[in-house]
Amino acid sequence: MSGPTVRDVAQVAQVSLATVDRVLNNRGGVSAKVVDRVKAAVAQTGYVRNLAAANLSRRRIYRFCFVVPSGDTGFVALLHAALAQEQQRLMEEQVLVQIVPTKAFDVEDQVAALRDLDCDAVAVMANEAPEINEQIAALKTSGIRVLSLVADLPSSGRDAYVGPDNVMAGRTAAEFMGRFTANRGTILMIAGSLAARDHSERLLGFRMVMQERYGGCTLLPAGQGADDAERVERIVLDAAKAQPLAGIYAIGAGNRGLVRAIGTLDPKPVTIVHELTPTSREALRTGTFDLVIDQDIRAGVIAAVRIMRDLTEATTPPADAGRIKLNIYSRENIQ
């Protein structure tokens, strides 16, 4: 026996099939009173919309691109895995997802990847630079909707941002760092690149709280490790030669090098990092890392696809649709 249909909804709501279609697809042109009647009829009949069938009947295929860094760093690997997982699921809904890899922190390569895209919408993880802004403007002029992913690009004119509040992430890291170090000692901060807005915002938030509440700590100038494990290791070891380190705040990737460097230090500094990867998970278990501030990247991918679909259909997504919450992990609450 088949389930409830659109015709059943129309009959219960006492409206036309066209009106039901407009309400279900958020096309507007329907009074609030009628919208409420249709929604009530949907609930009453138990109708469940089949997006795949709806898109197929309209012969609509969505084409979305994700322009994201390539590489084997933990977070990027998790991002690509989440995208691959969603690719398979979304094919059933007539959504085609293309991954366009770029060199991390390489503006020229990022701009090249954004040229000549053939899609309805694109999610971009890139540096904040005038060249990126110009290319995003060109994409929008051609009718492609643009989202910034993980790192916001507010000056680019992008349509939406999907990711965490990175200033809040940095402030959270500082609150724990100040408490764990008892407000004393030297703190080393390591970013991947300060040209990446997510890294610069985390650093900004971290410095703000440390200066406001934990003035007993001394903050070293931030190193830039380019998310490279060997470079991160050298930054830590060079800093530790000059003075004992009470704490390390690692903003980007390259945590394998961080683990190696910390293994040579005695006493071990308080260490707070971002993203729950296999490396950081194991470092929590062994006590090498004290805290991991993580964003749910799969939730980010799902939100990005949902927003791109809304924008492609000329529907305004909720203001907070792209906000990805932060999770905090210690050795006691990891699986």
Protein backbone atom coordinates (compact mmCIF):
# COMPACT_ATOMS: atom_id res chain seq x y z
CA MET A 1 0.00 0.00 0.00
CA SER A 2 1.42 3.41 -1.03
CA GLY A 3 1.80 6.24 1.46
CA PRO A 4 0.03 9.61 1.51
CA THR A 5 0.46 11.72 -1.63
CA VAL A 6 0.46 15.41 -2.50
CA ARG A 7 -3.09 14.93 -3.75
CA ASP A 8 -4.12 13.75 -0.26
CA VAL A 9 -2.54 16.84 1.29
CA ALA A 10 -4.36 19.11 -1.19
CA GLN A 11 -7.68 17.42 -0.44
CA VAL A 12 -7.33 17.76 3.33
CA ALA A 13 -6.12 21.38 3.09
CA GLN A 14 -8.81 22.17 0.50
CA VAL A 15 -6.34 23.82 -1.85
CA SER A 16 -5.01 23.08 -5.33
CA LEU A 17 -2.08 20.81 -6.13
CA ALA A 18 -0.20 23.88 -7.37
CA THR A 19 -0.64 25.59 -3.99
CA VAL A 20 0.67 22.53 -2.14
CA ASP A 21 3.66 22.47 -4.49
CA ARG A 22 4.42 26.15 -3.80
CA VAL A 23 4.29 25.61 -0.03
CA LEU A 24 6.42 22.45 -0.08
CA ASN A 25 9.06 24.13 -2.24
CA ASN A 26 9.01 27.50 -0.42
CA ARG A 27 8.19 29.40 -3.61
CA GLY A 28 6.10 32.10 -1.94
CA GLY A 29 2.94 33.66 -3.27
CA VAL A 30 0.81 31.87 -0.67
CA SER A 31 -0.81 33.55 2.33
CA ALA A 32 0.37 32.63 5.82
CA LYS A 33 -3.07 31.23 6.61
CA VAL A 34 -2.98 28.86 3.65
CA VAL A 35 0.62 27.86 4.42
CA ASP A 36 -0.50 26.88 7.92
CA ARG A 37 -3.37 24.84 6.47
CA VAL A 38 -1.06 22.96 4.12
CA LYS A 39 1.44 22.26 6.91
CA ALA A 40 -1.36 21.00 9.13
CA ALA A 41 -2.55 18.75 6.31
CA VAL A 42 0.97 17.38 5.87
CA ALA A 43 1.07 16.51 9.57
CA GLN A 44 -2.45 15.06 9.52
CA THR A 45 -1.86 12.82 6.50
CA GLY A 46 1.67 11.82 7.47
CA TYR A 47 2.94 12.84 4.04
CA VAL A 48 6.73 12.55 3.65
CA ARG A 49 8.27 14.42 0.76
CA ASN A 50 10.51 12.34 -1.50
CA LEU A 51 13.13 14.83 -2.61
CA ALA A 52 14.67 12.44 -5.09
CA ALA A 53 11.36 11.79 -6.80
CA ALA A 54 10.45 15.48 -6.74
CA ASN A 55 13.71 16.53 -8.31
CA LEU A 56 13.57 13.72 -10.84
CA SER A 57 10.03 14.64 -11.87
CA ARG A 58 11.23 18.20 -12.50
CA ARG A 59 14.37 16.77 -14.14
CA ARG A 60 16.35 19.01 -11.78
CA ILE A 61 19.89 17.96 -10.99
CA TYR A 62 21.84 20.13 -8.56
CA ARG A 63 25.55 20.59 -9.24
CA PHE A 64 27.57 21.73 -6.25
CA CYS A 65 31.35 22.19 -5.97
CA PHE A 66 33.59 22.16 -2.90
CA VAL A 67 36.89 23.99 -3.44
CA VAL A 68 38.98 22.75 -0.51
CA PRO A 69 42.64 22.03 0.30
CA SER A 70 44.23 18.76 -0.69
CA GLY A 71 46.80 17.01 1.48
CA ASP A 72 47.05 14.41 4.20
CA THR A 73 46.69 16.63 7.27
CA GLY A 74 44.21 15.21 9.76
CA PHE A 75 41.48 17.80 9.36
CA VAL A 76 41.66 17.89 5.56
CA ALA A 77 41.50 14.09 5.47
CA LEU A 78 38.36 14.18 7.63
CA LEU A 79 36.86 16.84 5.36
CA HIS A 80 37.45 14.79 2.23
CA ALA A 81 36.05 11.68 3.92
CA ALA A 82 32.90 13.58 4.90
CA LEU A 83 32.49 14.88 1.36
CA ALA A 84 32.94 11.41 -0.13
CA GLN A 85 30.36 10.01 2.27
CA GLU A 86 27.85 12.71 1.35
CA GLN A 87 28.54 12.28 -2.37
CA GLN A 88 27.11 8.78 -2.29
CA ARG A 89 24.04 9.74 -0.26
CA LEU A 90 23.25 12.88 -2.25
CA MET A 91 23.23 11.11 -5.59
CA GLU A 92 19.90 9.62 -4.51
CA GLU A 93 18.54 13.17 -4.24
CA GLN A 94 19.78 14.21 -7.68
CA VAL A 95 22.64 16.21 -6.15
CA LEU A 96 26.06 15.93 -7.79
CA VAL A 97 29.00 17.02 -5.63
CA GLN A 98 32.38 17.74 -7.18
CA ILE A 99 35.52 18.16 -5.06
CA VAL A 100 38.06 20.62 -6.48
CA PRO A 101 41.36 20.29 -4.54
CA THR A 102 43.77 23.18 -3.99
CA LYS A 103 47.15 23.74 -2.37
CA ALA A 104 46.67 24.85 1.23
CA PHE A 105 47.33 28.58 1.79
CA ASP A 106 48.25 29.06 -1.92
CA VAL A 107 46.15 32.00 -3.16
CA GLU A 108 47.22 31.62 -6.80
CA ASP A 109 46.18 27.97 -6.86
CA GLN A 110 42.91 28.77 -5.08
CA VAL A 111 42.07 31.46 -7.65
CA ALA A 112 42.85 29.06 -10.50
CA ALA A 113 40.50 26.47 -8.98
CA LEU A 114 37.68 29.02 -8.81
CA ARG A 115 37.94 29.89 -12.49
CA ASP A 116 35.57 28.33 -15.00
CA LEU A 117 33.55 26.33 -12.47
CA ASP A 118 30.49 24.69 -13.99
CA CYS A 119 28.05 24.36 -11.11
CA ASP A 120 25.03 25.93 -9.43
CA ALA A 121 26.83 26.78 -6.17
CA VAL A 122 30.27 26.42 -4.63
CA ALA A 123 31.61 26.14 -1.08
CA VAL A 124 35.08 27.68 -0.78
CA MET A 125 37.79 27.13 1.80
CA ALA A 126 40.43 29.70 0.92
CA ASN A 127 42.68 32.48 2.14
CA GLU A 128 41.33 35.99 2.59
CA ALA A 129 42.87 37.95 -0.28
CA PRO A 130 41.80 40.55 -2.89
CA GLU A 131 42.34 38.03 -5.69
CA ILE A 132 39.95 35.59 -4.02
CA ASN A 133 37.35 38.34 -3.58
CA GLU A 134 37.60 39.26 -7.26
CA GLN A 135 37.09 35.67 -8.36
CA ILE A 136 34.11 35.22 -6.04
CA ALA A 137 32.57 38.39 -7.49
CA ALA A 138 33.04 36.95 -10.98
CA LEU A 139 31.36 33.70 -9.94
CA LYS A 140 28.37 35.54 -8.53
CA THR A 141 28.09 37.66 -11.67
CA SER A 142 27.87 34.43 -13.67
CA GLY A 143 25.00 33.24 -11.47
CA ILE A 144 26.90 30.84 -9.18
CA ARG A 145 26.05 31.10 -5.48
CA VAL A 146 29.07 31.14 -3.16
CA LEU A 147 29.58 29.94 0.42
CA SER A 148 32.70 30.28 2.54
CA LEU A 149 33.52 27.09 4.42
CA VAL A 150 35.35 26.75 7.79
CA ALA A 151 37.10 30.12 7.30
CA ASP A 152 34.80 33.05 6.58
CA LEU A 153 35.38 35.54 3.75
CA PRO A 154 33.08 38.38 4.84
CA SER A 155 34.60 40.99 2.52
CA SER A 156 34.11 38.81 -0.55
CA GLY A 157 30.36 39.25 -0.91
CA ARG A 158 29.79 35.52 -0.39
CA ASP A 159 26.18 34.47 0.09
CA ALA A 160 26.67 32.57 3.36
CA TYR A 161 29.25 31.20 5.79
CA VAL A 162 29.32 27.63 7.04
CA GLY A 163 31.61 26.93 9.97
CA PRO A 164 32.28 27.66 13.63
CA ASP A 165 32.71 30.99 15.38
CA ASN A 166 36.51 30.95 15.25
CA VAL A 167 36.96 33.93 17.58
CA MET A 168 34.90 32.06 20.17
CA ALA A 169 37.04 28.97 19.58
CA GLY A 170 40.19 30.95 20.35
CA ARG A 171 38.63 32.54 23.43
CA THR A 172 37.61 29.11 24.68
CA ALA A 173 41.15 27.80 24.23
CA ALA A 174 42.53 30.76 26.19
CA GLU A 175 40.14 30.28 29.10
CA PHE A 176 41.33 26.71 29.55
CA MET A 177 44.98 27.62 28.95
CA GLY A 178 44.91 30.34 31.60
CA ARG A 179 43.33 28.03 34.15
CA PHE A 180 45.49 24.98 33.37
CA THR A 181 48.73 26.99 33.63
CA ALA A 182 47.58 28.74 36.82
CA ASN A 183 48.11 32.08 35.04
CA ARG A 184 51.88 31.87 34.80
CA GLY A 185 54.61 30.89 32.35
CA THR A 186 55.37 31.31 28.67
CA ILE A 187 52.81 30.35 26.03
CA LEU A 188 53.68 29.42 22.44
CA MET A 189 51.03 29.87 19.74
CA ILE A 190 51.33 28.14 16.35
CA ALA A 191 49.09 28.93 13.38
CA GLY A 192 49.14 27.31 9.97
CA SER A 193 48.97 30.67 8.23
CA LEU A 194 47.78 34.02 9.50
CA ALA A 195 46.44 34.69 6.00
CA ALA A 196 43.79 32.06 6.74
CA ARG A 197 40.95 33.86 8.48
CA ASP A 198 39.99 30.92 10.71
CA HIS A 199 43.54 30.83 12.08
CA SER A 200 43.83 34.60 12.52
CA GLU A 201 40.43 34.76 14.25
CA ARG A 202 41.33 31.95 16.65
CA LEU A 203 44.56 33.74 17.47
CA LEU A 204 42.67 37.01 17.99
CA GLY A 205 40.19 35.40 20.39
CA PHE A 206 42.99 33.64 22.27
CA ARG A 207 45.02 36.81 22.75
CA MET A 208 41.99 38.80 23.85
CA VAL A 209 41.16 36.48 26.75
CA MET A 210 44.78 35.93 27.79
CA GLN A 211 45.35 39.69 27.96
CA GLU A 212 42.03 40.37 29.71
CA ARG A 213 42.20 37.67 32.38
CA TYR A 214 45.57 35.93 32.42
CA GLY A 215 48.18 38.66 32.39
CA GLY A 216 50.54 36.48 34.42
CA CYS A 217 51.28 34.50 31.26
CA THR A 218 53.75 35.67 28.62
CA LEU A 219 52.65 35.21 25.00
CA LEU A 220 55.38 34.56 22.44
CA PRO A 221 54.92 35.85 18.86
CA ALA A 222 52.82 33.37 16.90
CA GLY A 223 54.69 30.91 14.72
CA GLN A 224 53.38 29.84 11.31
CA GLY A 225 53.81 26.15 10.62
CA ALA A 226 52.01 25.93 7.24
CA ASP A 227 50.23 22.84 8.63
CA ASP A 228 53.52 20.99 8.09
CA ALA A 229 54.53 18.51 10.81
CA GLU A 230 58.29 19.04 10.48
CA ARG A 231 57.97 22.81 10.51
CA VAL A 232 55.69 22.70 13.57
CA GLU A 233 58.19 20.45 15.34
CA ARG A 234 61.03 22.90 14.64
CA ILE A 235 59.00 25.86 15.88
CA VAL A 236 58.34 24.12 19.20
CA LEU A 237 61.89 22.90 19.72
CA ASP A 238 63.41 26.29 18.85
CA ALA A 239 61.06 28.07 21.27
CA ALA A 240 61.75 25.55 24.04
CA LYS A 241 65.51 26.11 23.72
CA ALA A 242 65.06 29.80 24.53
CA GLN A 243 62.81 29.34 27.58
CA PRO A 244 60.66 26.70 29.30
CA LEU A 245 57.18 26.51 27.79
CA ALA A 246 54.21 26.44 30.14
CA GLY A 247 51.70 26.02 27.32
CA ILE A 248 51.28 25.48 23.58
CA TYR A 249 48.22 26.53 21.59
CA ALA A 250 48.24 24.87 18.16
CA ILE A 251 45.73 26.59 15.91
CA GLY A 252 46.26 24.61 12.71
CA ALA A 253 47.43 21.17 11.63
CA GLY A 254 50.81 19.44 11.68
CA ASN A 255 50.12 17.81 15.03
CA ARG A 256 52.31 14.79 14.36
CA GLY A 257 55.29 17.12 14.64
CA LEU A 258 53.82 18.67 17.77
CA VAL A 259 53.55 15.24 19.39
CA ARG A 260 57.19 14.46 18.57
CA ALA A 261 58.41 17.77 19.97
CA ILE A 262 56.41 17.52 23.20
CA GLY A 263 57.84 14.06 23.77
CA THR A 264 61.27 15.67 24.26
CA LEU A 265 60.13 18.35 26.73
CA ASP A 266 60.26 18.03 30.50
CA PRO A 267 58.10 19.24 32.09
CA LYS A 268 55.40 18.76 29.47
CA PRO A 269 53.61 22.01 28.56
CA VAL A 270 49.84 22.31 28.68
CA THR A 271 48.79 21.68 25.09
CA ILE A 272 45.51 22.69 23.45
CA VAL A 273 44.83 21.97 19.78
CA HIS A 274 42.01 22.03 17.24
CA GLU A 275 40.19 19.16 15.46
CA LEU A 276 39.71 15.61 16.73
CA THR A 277 41.82 13.65 14.26
CA PRO A 278 43.40 10.21 14.77
CA THR A 279 46.62 11.96 15.85
CA SER A 280 44.99 14.31 18.36
CA ARG A 281 42.72 11.56 19.67
CA GLU A 282 45.70 9.33 20.47
CA ALA A 283 47.60 12.28 21.96
CA LEU A 284 44.67 12.91 24.31
CA ARG A 285 44.67 9.27 25.39
CA THR A 286 48.39 9.34 26.21
CA GLY A 287 48.20 12.69 27.99
CA THR A 288 50.38 14.46 25.41
CA PHE A 289 47.52 16.84 24.59
CA ASP A 290 45.27 18.24 27.29
CA LEU A 291 42.33 19.50 25.26
CA VAL A 292 40.97 19.35 21.71
CA ILE A 293 38.46 21.91 20.40
CA ASP A 294 36.63 20.23 17.55
CA GLN A 295 34.13 21.22 14.87
CA ASP A 296 31.78 18.62 13.39
CA ILE A 297 32.94 18.75 9.78
CA ARG A 298 30.31 16.31 8.53
CA ALA A 299 27.62 18.57 9.98
CA GLY A 300 29.34 21.40 8.13
CA VAL A 301 29.21 19.56 4.81
CA ILE A 302 25.53 18.70 5.31
CA ALA A 303 24.72 22.32 6.22
CA ALA A 304 26.63 23.61 3.20
CA VAL A 305 24.71 21.37 0.81
CA ARG A 306 21.39 22.36 2.40
CA ILE A 307 22.20 26.07 2.11
CA MET A 308 23.45 25.73 -1.48
CA ARG A 309 20.21 24.01 -2.41
CA ASP A 310 18.16 26.76 -0.72
CA LEU A 311 20.10 29.49 -2.50
CA THR A 312 19.83 27.72 -5.85
CA GLU A 313 16.05 27.58 -5.39
CA ALA A 314 15.99 31.29 -4.43
CA THR A 315 15.01 30.41 -0.86
CA THR A 316 16.60 32.36 1.99
CA PRO A 317 18.18 29.96 4.52
CA PRO A 318 17.86 30.71 8.26
CA ALA A 319 20.47 33.15 9.55
CA ASP A 320 22.10 30.50 11.75
CA ALA A 321 21.87 27.64 9.24
CA GLY A 322 25.62 27.58 8.71
CA ARG A 323 26.78 27.86 12.31
CA ILE A 324 28.65 24.72 13.36
CA LYS A 325 28.95 24.11 17.09
CA LEU A 326 32.21 23.44 18.89
CA ASN A 327 32.87 20.30 20.91
CA ILE A 328 35.52 20.08 23.62
CA TYR A 329 37.34 16.82 24.25
CA SER A 330 39.70 15.64 26.99
CA ARG A 331 41.11 12.19 27.63
CA GLU A 332 38.00 11.43 29.72
CA ASN A 333 35.31 11.91 27.06
CA ILE A 334 36.80 10.50 23.85
CA GLN A 335 35.64 7.16 22.54
